[in-house]
Amino acid sequence: MAVTANVRRTLIGVCLCIFLFSLFVIDRASPRGIVRS
């Protein structure tokens, strides 16, 4: 069970990183985004 929990935690971390990265890319691509830089 420990291995399954470890793999699940890793998958959740990877999914969160991909989700945040996609949000950042979409925000930078849009004319008016949340991040103003």
PDB file of N, CA and C in Angstrom:
ATOM      1  N   MET A   1       0.840  -1.209   0.000  1.00  0.00           N
ATOM      2  CA  MET A   1       0.000   0.000   0.000  1.00  0.00           C
ATOM      3  C   MET A   1       0.876   1.261   0.000  1.00  0.00           C
ATOM      4  N   ALA A   2       2.056   1.164   0.603  1.00  0.00           N
ATOM      5  CA  ALA A   2       2.922   2.344   0.668  1.00  0.00           C
ATOM      6  C   ALA A   2       3.375   2.750  -0.734  1.00  0.00           C
ATOM      7  N   VAL A   3       3.658   1.738  -1.567  1.00  0.00           N
ATOM      8  CA  VAL A   3       4.104   2.032  -2.933  1.00  0.00           C
ATOM      9  C   VAL A   3       2.982   2.707  -3.709  1.00  0.00           C
ATOM     10  N   THR A   4       1.750   2.206  -3.522  1.00  0.00           N
ATOM     11  CA  THR A   4       0.610   2.794  -4.232  1.00  0.00           C
ATOM     12  C   THR A   4       0.393   4.242  -3.803  1.00  0.00           C
ATOM     13  N   ALA A   5       0.513   4.501  -2.505  1.00  0.00           N
ATOM     14  CA  ALA A   5       0.326   5.865  -2.004  1.00  0.00           C
ATOM     15  C   ALA A   5       1.429   6.779  -2.533  1.00  0.00           C
ATOM     16  N   ASN A   6       2.645   6.251  -2.607  1.00  0.00           N
ATOM     17  CA  ASN A   6       3.767   7.046  -3.102  1.00  0.00           C
ATOM     18  C   ASN A   6       3.562   7.387  -4.570  1.00  0.00           C
ATOM     19  N   VAL A   7       3.145   6.405  -5.357  1.00  0.00           N
ATOM     20  CA  VAL A   7       2.909   6.637  -6.786  1.00  0.00           C
ATOM     21  C   VAL A   7       1.766   7.622  -6.971  1.00  0.00           C
ATOM     22  N   ARG A   8       0.731   7.479  -6.149  1.00  0.00           N
ATOM     23  CA  ARG A   8      -0.423   8.377  -6.259  1.00  0.00           C
ATOM     24  C   ARG A   8      -0.003   9.810  -5.948  1.00  0.00           C
ATOM     25  N   ARG A   9       0.832   9.975  -4.912  1.00  0.00           N
ATOM     26  CA  ARG A   9       1.290  11.312  -4.537  1.00  0.00           C
ATOM     27  C   ARG A   9       2.132  11.915  -5.660  1.00  0.00           C
ATOM     28  N   THR A  10       2.974  11.080  -6.280  1.00  0.00           N
ATOM     29  CA  THR A  10       3.807  11.568  -7.382  1.00  0.00           C
ATOM     30  C   THR A  10       2.952  11.977  -8.567  1.00  0.00           C
ATOM     31  N   LEU A  11       1.943  11.170  -8.891  1.00  0.00           N
ATOM     32  CA  LEU A  11       1.063  11.488 -10.017  1.00  0.00           C
ATOM     33  C   LEU A  11       0.301  12.782  -9.755  1.00  0.00           C
ATOM     34  N   ILE A  12      -0.150  12.974  -8.522  1.00  0.00           N
ATOM     35  CA  ILE A  12      -0.874  14.202  -8.177  1.00  0.00           C
ATOM     36  C   ILE A  12       0.051  15.408  -8.328  1.00  0.00           C
ATOM     37  N   GLY A  13       1.297  15.260  -7.908  1.00  0.00           N
ATOM     38  CA  GLY A  13       2.257  16.356  -8.034  1.00  0.00           C
ATOM     39  C   GLY A  13       2.520  16.699  -9.493  1.00  0.00           C
ATOM     40  N   VAL A  14       2.684  15.668 -10.328  1.00  0.00           N
ATOM     41  CA  VAL A  14       2.934  15.891 -11.756  1.00  0.00           C
ATOM     42  C   VAL A  14       1.729  16.551 -12.406  1.00  0.00           C
ATOM     43  N   CYS A  15       0.529  16.086 -12.061  1.00  0.00           N
ATOM     44  CA  CYS A  15      -0.693  16.666 -12.633  1.00  0.00           C
ATOM     45  C   CYS A  15      -0.832  18.127 -12.220  1.00  0.00           C
ATOM     46  N   LEU A  16      -0.494  18.448 -10.970  1.00  0.00           N
ATOM     47  CA  LEU A  16      -0.573  19.834 -10.507  1.00  0.00           C
ATOM     48  C   LEU A  16       0.421  20.712 -11.260  1.00  0.00           C
ATOM     49  N   CYS A  17       1.626  20.191 -11.485  1.00  0.00           N
ATOM     50  CA  CYS A  17       2.634  20.967 -12.211  1.00  0.00           C
ATOM     51  C   CYS A  17       2.181  21.226 -13.640  1.00  0.00           C
ATOM     52  N   ILE A  18       1.628  20.190 -14.300  1.00  0.00           N
ATOM     53  CA  ILE A  18       1.149  20.348 -15.675  1.00  0.00           C
ATOM     54  C   ILE A  18      -0.016  21.327 -15.714  1.00  0.00           C
ATOM     55  N   PHE A  19      -0.906  21.258 -14.716  1.00  0.00           N
ATOM     56  CA  PHE A  19      -2.069  22.147 -14.665  1.00  0.00           C
ATOM     57  C   PHE A  19      -1.631  23.605 -14.510  1.00  0.00           C
ATOM     58  N   LEU A  20      -0.689  23.848 -13.581  1.00  0.00           N
ATOM     59  CA  LEU A  20      -0.209  25.215 -13.369  1.00  0.00           C
ATOM     60  C   LEU A  20       0.540  25.724 -14.595  1.00  0.00           C
ATOM     61  N   PHE A  21       1.319  24.850 -15.235  1.00  0.00           N
ATOM     62  CA  PHE A  21       2.073  25.261 -16.420  1.00  0.00           C
ATOM     63  C   PHE A  21       1.133  25.602 -17.565  1.00  0.00           C
ATOM     64  N   SER A  22       0.070  24.804 -17.737  1.00  0.00           N
ATOM     65  CA  SER A  22      -0.889  25.076 -18.810  1.00  0.00           C
ATOM     66  C   SER A  22      -1.629  26.381 -18.533  1.00  0.00           C
ATOM     67  N   LEU A  23      -1.961  26.638 -17.264  1.00  0.00           N
ATOM     68  CA  LEU A  23      -2.613  27.902 -16.911  1.00  0.00           C
ATOM     69  C   LEU A  23      -1.694  29.079 -17.225  1.00  0.00           C
ATOM     70  N   PHE A  24      -0.408  28.931 -16.920  1.00  0.00           N
ATOM     71  CA  PHE A  24       0.559  29.994 -17.174  1.00  0.00           C
ATOM     72  C   PHE A  24       0.697  30.247 -18.671  1.00  0.00           C
ATOM     73  N   VAL A  25       0.761  29.173 -19.464  1.00  0.00           N
ATOM     74  CA  VAL A  25       0.905  29.310 -20.919  1.00  0.00           C
ATOM     75  C   VAL A  25      -0.329  29.969 -21.515  1.00  0.00           C
ATOM     76  N   ILE A  26      -1.518  29.536 -21.092  1.00  0.00           N
ATOM     77  CA  ILE A  26      -2.763  30.120 -21.602  1.00  0.00           C
ATOM     78  C   ILE A  26      -2.847  31.589 -21.209  1.00  0.00           C
ATOM     79  N   ASP A  27      -2.421  31.911 -19.983  1.00  0.00           N
ATOM     80  CA  ASP A  27      -2.473  33.292 -19.504  1.00  0.00           C
ATOM     81  C   ASP A  27      -1.521  34.172 -20.304  1.00  0.00           C
ATOM     82  N   ARG A  28      -0.342  33.656 -20.634  1.00  0.00           N
ATOM     83  CA  ARG A  28       0.634  34.432 -21.389  1.00  0.00           C
ATOM     84  C   ARG A  28       0.189  34.585 -22.841  1.00  0.00           C
ATOM     85  N   ALA A  29      -0.546  33.604 -23.366  1.00  0.00           N
ATOM     86  CA  ALA A  29      -0.968  33.639 -24.767  1.00  0.00           C
ATOM     87  C   ALA A  29      -2.156  34.571 -24.965  1.00  0.00           C
ATOM     88  N   SER A  30      -2.981  34.717 -23.944  1.00  0.00           N
ATOM     89  CA  SER A  30      -4.164  35.565 -24.072  1.00  0.00           C
ATOM     90  C   SER A  30      -3.766  37.045 -24.063  1.00  0.00           C
ATOM     91  N   PRO A  31      -4.485  37.883 -24.815  1.00  0.00           N
ATOM     92  CA  PRO A  31      -4.188  39.321 -24.866  1.00  0.00           C
ATOM     93  C   PRO A  31      -4.258  39.962 -23.484  1.00  0.00           C
ATOM     94  N   ARG A  32      -5.314  39.667 -22.741  1.00  0.00           N
ATOM     95  CA  ARG A  32      -5.436  40.214 -21.392  1.00  0.00           C
ATOM     96  C   ARG A  32      -5.426  39.057 -20.409  1.00  0.00           C
ATOM     97  N   GLY A  33      -4.365  38.968 -19.609  1.00  0.00           N
ATOM     98  CA  GLY A  33      -4.223  37.834 -18.699  1.00  0.00           C
ATOM     99  C   GLY A  33      -4.190  38.271 -17.258  1.00  0.00           C
ATOM    100  N   ILE A  34      -4.167  37.292 -16.387  1.00  0.00           N
ATOM    101  CA  ILE A  34      -4.113  37.594 -14.963  1.00  0.00           C
ATOM    102  C   ILE A  34      -2.728  38.140 -14.606  1.00  0.00           C
ATOM    103  N   VAL A  35      -1.708  37.529 -15.207  1.00  0.00           N
ATOM    104  CA  VAL A  35      -0.338  37.958 -14.930  1.00  0.00           C
ATOM    105  C   VAL A  35       0.009  39.123 -15.847  1.00  0.00           C
ATOM    106  N   ARG A  36       0.171  40.307 -15.260  1.00  0.00           N
ATOM    107  CA  ARG A  36       0.525  41.474 -16.070  1.00  0.00           C
ATOM    108  C   ARG A  36       2.015  41.750 -15.888  1.00  0.00           C
ATOM    109  N   SER A  37       2.785  41.453 -16.921  1.00  0.00           N
ATOM    110  CA  SER A  37       4.226  41.653 -16.815  1.00  0.00           C
ATOM    111  C   SER A  37       4.776  42.217 -18.118  1.00  0.00           C
TER     112      SER A  37
END
